Amino acid sequence: MKTCTNLKSRGYDYLKKITAVDYVDHLEAVYIIYNTLGKKEEVLRVKLDAEKPKVETVIGVYPAADWYEREMSEMFGIEILKRKSKRLLLEEWNGAIAPFRKSYTWGTDYKKLE
């Protein structure tokens, strides 16, 4: 993501958080990036398609993005483009819809753990 590369070159050296928001008609990937020397924060919001949400990985710029991107992928169903690692957080998950999407109905589509 060019914006993250640009911010890093301007001193935004710390990735505080990546998350997503489901607005039903679209999703947003939200990046919170901090400049530790200048004590400034930037919030980036990327609008994504609700049906096939995709966003490019930022691990090359901020290695701490690894777990956040996995969470976005599994919990919101967002495809992370150019991501090498495909390790899963929810190995036991059997749901067809990502559990943090508003279209998901809790208790109806999961594999019971024994």
Protein backbone atom coordinates (compact mmCIF):
# COMPACT_ATOMS: atom_id res chain seq x y z
CA MET A 1 0.00 0.00 0.00
CA LYS A 2 1.63 3.19 -1.23
CA THR A 3 0.03 5.36 1.43
CA CYS A 4 1.58 3.30 4.24
CA THR A 5 5.00 3.43 2.56
CA ASN A 6 4.67 7.21 2.28
CA LEU A 7 3.63 7.57 5.93
CA LYS A 8 6.51 5.37 7.11
CA SER A 9 8.98 7.56 5.20
CA ARG A 10 7.49 10.59 7.03
CA GLY A 11 8.15 9.06 10.46
CA TYR A 12 4.98 7.07 11.07
CA ASP A 13 6.93 4.12 12.39
CA TYR A 14 4.41 2.28 14.57
CA LEU A 15 1.33 0.35 13.45
CA LYS A 16 -1.11 0.55 16.36
CA LYS A 17 -4.02 -1.40 14.91
CA ILE A 18 -5.72 -2.73 11.82
CA THR A 19 -9.37 -3.66 11.95
CA ALA A 20 -12.46 -3.63 9.76
CA VAL A 21 -16.00 -2.31 9.94
CA ASP A 22 -19.02 -3.85 8.24
CA TYR A 23 -21.48 -1.20 7.00
CA VAL A 24 -23.59 -3.87 5.22
CA ASP A 25 -23.39 -2.18 1.78
CA HIS A 26 -19.58 -2.01 2.03
CA LEU A 27 -16.70 -2.79 4.39
CA GLU A 28 -13.85 -0.57 5.52
CA ALA A 29 -10.34 -1.61 6.47
CA VAL A 30 -9.09 0.77 9.16
CA TYR A 31 -5.37 1.35 9.82
CA ILE A 32 -4.14 3.33 12.82
CA ILE A 33 -0.52 4.41 12.36
CA TYR A 34 1.54 6.42 14.84
CA ASN A 35 4.59 8.68 14.62
CA THR A 36 6.47 7.98 17.88
CA LEU A 37 8.80 10.99 17.62
CA GLY A 38 6.18 13.53 16.58
CA LYS A 39 3.47 11.96 18.74
CA LYS A 40 0.98 12.13 15.87
CA GLU A 41 -1.54 9.56 14.72
CA GLU A 42 -3.08 8.92 11.31
CA VAL A 43 -6.19 6.86 10.66
CA LEU A 44 -6.52 5.40 7.17
CA ARG A 45 -9.88 4.08 6.00
CA VAL A 46 -10.12 1.97 2.86
CA LYS A 47 -13.59 1.35 1.43
CA LEU A 48 -14.05 -2.25 0.23
CA ASP A 49 -16.70 -4.05 -1.78
CA ALA A 50 -19.18 -5.93 0.43
CA GLU A 51 -19.39 -8.98 -1.84
CA LYS A 52 -15.69 -9.54 -2.55
CA PRO A 53 -13.65 -7.38 -0.18
CA LYS A 54 -9.93 -7.23 -1.01
CA VAL A 55 -7.04 -5.16 0.27
CA GLU A 56 -3.28 -5.37 -0.29
CA THR A 57 -1.04 -6.56 2.56
CA VAL A 58 1.06 -3.98 4.42
CA ILE A 59 3.38 -6.52 6.07
CA GLY A 60 6.28 -5.33 3.90
CA VAL A 61 5.94 -1.86 5.45
CA TYR A 62 4.71 -2.80 8.94
CA PRO A 63 5.58 -6.42 9.90
CA ALA A 64 3.24 -6.15 12.91
CA ALA A 65 0.34 -6.28 10.45
CA ASP A 66 0.57 -10.09 10.34
CA TRP A 67 -1.96 -10.97 13.05
CA TYR A 68 -4.24 -8.05 12.25
CA GLU A 69 -4.47 -9.11 8.61
CA ARG A 70 -5.23 -12.69 9.60
CA GLU A 71 -7.99 -11.46 11.86
CA MET A 72 -9.47 -9.28 9.10
CA SER A 73 -9.33 -12.18 6.69
CA GLU A 74 -10.99 -14.73 8.92
CA MET A 75 -13.39 -12.62 10.93
CA PHE A 76 -14.58 -10.31 8.13
CA GLY A 77 -13.86 -12.42 5.04
CA ILE A 78 -11.50 -9.84 3.54
CA GLU A 79 -9.00 -11.24 1.05
CA ILE A 80 -5.49 -9.95 1.75
CA LEU A 81 -3.71 -9.63 -1.59
CA LYS A 82 0.00 -10.45 -1.98
CA ARG A 83 0.08 -12.10 1.46
CA LYS A 84 2.47 -15.06 1.64
CA SER A 85 1.40 -16.69 4.92
CA LYS A 86 -2.00 -18.37 4.89
CA ARG A 87 -1.87 -19.69 8.47
CA LEU A 88 -5.25 -19.74 10.16
CA LEU A 89 -6.41 -18.45 13.52
CA LEU A 90 -9.76 -20.28 13.45
CA GLU A 91 -8.71 -23.81 12.54
CA GLU A 92 -11.94 -25.30 13.93
CA TRP A 93 -14.24 -22.80 12.21
CA ASN A 94 -16.74 -24.36 9.85
CA GLY A 95 -18.83 -21.29 9.12
CA ALA A 96 -19.65 -20.26 5.59
CA ILE A 97 -19.85 -16.57 6.54
CA ALA A 98 -17.16 -14.69 8.45
CA PRO A 99 -18.35 -14.35 12.09
CA PHE A 100 -17.89 -10.57 12.40
CA ARG A 101 -20.01 -9.78 9.34
CA LYS A 102 -23.45 -8.37 10.06
CA SER A 103 -24.97 -10.98 7.77
CA TYR A 104 -23.79 -13.77 10.10
CA THR A 105 -26.34 -15.25 12.50
CA TRP A 106 -24.64 -16.51 15.65
CA GLY A 107 -25.29 -20.06 16.75
CA THR A 108 -26.48 -21.37 13.39
CA ASP A 109 -23.32 -22.14 11.43
CA TYR A 110 -20.47 -23.47 13.51
CA LYS A 111 -18.67 -26.74 14.27
CA LYS A 112 -19.17 -27.80 17.86
CA LEU A 113 -15.90 -28.39 19.72
CA GLU A 114 -15.67 -31.49 21.85
